Amino acid sequence: MTGTPRENRVREFRKKSRITQAELGAQVGVSRQSIVSTEKGDYAPSVYLALRLARSLGTTVEELFPLTEEGP
């Protein structure tokens, strides 16, 4: 895995849910800054946090964190 940011759809689903980063963080038990870092792709959440995020946002982990093909 490279040092490039990871693509995810957390921000998109959070905005659809009309909640703030702080509200989402409180729902899943992390800080607002953890949500900011996750949305930017600077932080890869644990499996447990990914599951809590998906549940809070009414979607699946696969929808929030789609796998992308890495080039050679």
C-alpha atoms as a PDB file:
ATOM      1  CA  MET A   1       0.000   0.000   0.000  1.00  0.00           C
ATOM      2  CA  THR A   2       1.331   3.442  -0.874  1.00  0.00           C
ATOM      3  CA  GLY A   3       1.398   6.632   1.186  1.00  0.00           C
ATOM      4  CA  THR A   4      -1.367   8.210  -0.880  1.00  0.00           C
ATOM      5  CA  PRO A   5      -4.710   9.126   0.688  1.00  0.00           C
ATOM      6  CA  ARG A   6      -7.393   6.462   0.634  1.00  0.00           C
ATOM      7  CA  GLU A   7     -10.621   7.194  -1.207  1.00  0.00           C
ATOM      8  CA  ASN A   8     -13.823   6.831   0.763  1.00  0.00           C
ATOM      9  CA  ARG A   9     -17.386   8.106   0.755  1.00  0.00           C
ATOM     10  CA  VAL A  10     -17.773   8.992   4.443  1.00  0.00           C
ATOM     11  CA  ARG A  11     -18.222  12.730   3.762  1.00  0.00           C
ATOM     12  CA  GLU A  12     -20.787  12.064   1.032  1.00  0.00           C
ATOM     13  CA  PHE A  13     -22.918   9.839   3.279  1.00  0.00           C
ATOM     14  CA  ARG A  14     -22.499  12.155   6.274  1.00  0.00           C
ATOM     15  CA  LYS A  15     -23.734  15.129   4.271  1.00  0.00           C
ATOM     16  CA  LYS A  16     -26.695  13.090   2.972  1.00  0.00           C
ATOM     17  CA  SER A  17     -27.528  12.345   6.601  1.00  0.00           C
ATOM     18  CA  ARG A  18     -27.272  16.079   7.379  1.00  0.00           C
ATOM     19  CA  ILE A  19     -25.050  15.632  10.408  1.00  0.00           C
ATOM     20  CA  THR A  20     -21.830  17.374  11.393  1.00  0.00           C
ATOM     21  CA  GLN A  21     -18.455  15.746  11.822  1.00  0.00           C
ATOM     22  CA  ALA A  22     -18.771  16.267  15.579  1.00  0.00           C
ATOM     23  CA  GLU A  23     -22.194  14.601  15.638  1.00  0.00           C
ATOM     24  CA  LEU A  24     -20.965  11.610  13.655  1.00  0.00           C
ATOM     25  CA  GLY A  25     -17.926  11.320  15.908  1.00  0.00           C
ATOM     26  CA  ALA A  26     -20.162  11.311  18.985  1.00  0.00           C
ATOM     27  CA  GLN A  27     -22.397   8.632  17.448  1.00  0.00           C
ATOM     28  CA  VAL A  28     -19.478   6.292  16.763  1.00  0.00           C
ATOM     29  CA  GLY A  29     -17.341   7.156  19.790  1.00  0.00           C
ATOM     30  CA  VAL A  30     -14.438   9.081  18.255  1.00  0.00           C
ATOM     31  CA  SER A  31     -13.364  12.724  18.056  1.00  0.00           C
ATOM     32  CA  ARG A  32     -14.381  15.158  15.341  1.00  0.00           C
ATOM     33  CA  GLN A  33     -10.725  15.193  14.264  1.00  0.00           C
ATOM     34  CA  SER A  34     -10.827  11.428  13.677  1.00  0.00           C
ATOM     35  CA  ILE A  35     -13.802  11.942  11.356  1.00  0.00           C
ATOM     36  CA  VAL A  36     -11.956  14.771   9.557  1.00  0.00           C
ATOM     37  CA  SER A  37      -8.884  12.554   9.076  1.00  0.00           C
ATOM     38  CA  THR A  38     -11.005   9.628   7.896  1.00  0.00           C
ATOM     39  CA  GLU A  39     -12.877  11.771   5.367  1.00  0.00           C
ATOM     40  CA  LYS A  40      -9.603  13.169   4.012  1.00  0.00           C
ATOM     41  CA  GLY A  41      -8.175   9.666   3.665  1.00  0.00           C
ATOM     42  CA  ASP A  42      -5.345  10.374   6.106  1.00  0.00           C
ATOM     43  CA  TYR A  43      -6.603   7.759   8.574  1.00  0.00           C
ATOM     44  CA  ALA A  44      -7.765   4.223   7.855  1.00  0.00           C
ATOM     45  CA  PRO A  45     -10.312   3.300  10.528  1.00  0.00           C
ATOM     46  CA  SER A  46     -10.281  -0.033  12.290  1.00  0.00           C
ATOM     47  CA  VAL A  47     -12.765  -2.653  11.165  1.00  0.00           C
ATOM     48  CA  TYR A  48     -14.854  -1.901  14.240  1.00  0.00           C
ATOM     49  CA  LEU A  49     -14.947   1.835  13.561  1.00  0.00           C
ATOM     50  CA  ALA A  50     -15.753   1.228   9.893  1.00  0.00           C
ATOM     51  CA  LEU A  51     -18.689  -0.945  10.954  1.00  0.00           C
ATOM     52  CA  ARG A  52     -19.933   1.729  13.389  1.00  0.00           C
ATOM     53  CA  LEU A  53     -19.608   4.420  10.708  1.00  0.00           C
ATOM     54  CA  ALA A  54     -21.543   2.331   8.200  1.00  0.00           C
ATOM     55  CA  ARG A  55     -24.288   1.567  10.708  1.00  0.00           C
ATOM     56  CA  SER A  56     -24.587   5.237  11.748  1.00  0.00           C
ATOM     57  CA  LEU A  57     -24.746   6.356   8.125  1.00  0.00           C
ATOM     58  CA  GLY A  58     -27.240   3.675   7.070  1.00  0.00           C
ATOM     59  CA  THR A  59     -24.981   1.924   4.593  1.00  0.00           C
ATOM     60  CA  THR A  60     -22.357  -0.811   4.330  1.00  0.00           C
ATOM     61  CA  VAL A  61     -18.604  -0.770   4.851  1.00  0.00           C
ATOM     62  CA  GLU A  62     -18.210  -1.719   1.185  1.00  0.00           C
ATOM     63  CA  GLU A  63     -20.162   1.377   0.121  1.00  0.00           C
ATOM     64  CA  LEU A  64     -18.185   3.698   2.417  1.00  0.00           C
ATOM     65  CA  PHE A  65     -14.756   2.262   1.625  1.00  0.00           C
ATOM     66  CA  PRO A  66     -14.783   0.882  -1.923  1.00  0.00           C
ATOM     67  CA  LEU A  67     -11.750  -1.073  -3.026  1.00  0.00           C
ATOM     68  CA  THR A  68      -9.809   0.421  -5.911  1.00  0.00           C
ATOM     69  CA  GLU A  69      -7.324  -1.308  -8.140  1.00  0.00           C
ATOM     70  CA  GLU A  70      -3.729  -0.260  -7.582  1.00  0.00           C
ATOM     71  CA  GLY A  71      -1.507   0.155 -10.609  1.00  0.00           C
ATOM     72  CA  PRO A  72       1.818  -1.615 -11.073  1.00  0.00           C
END
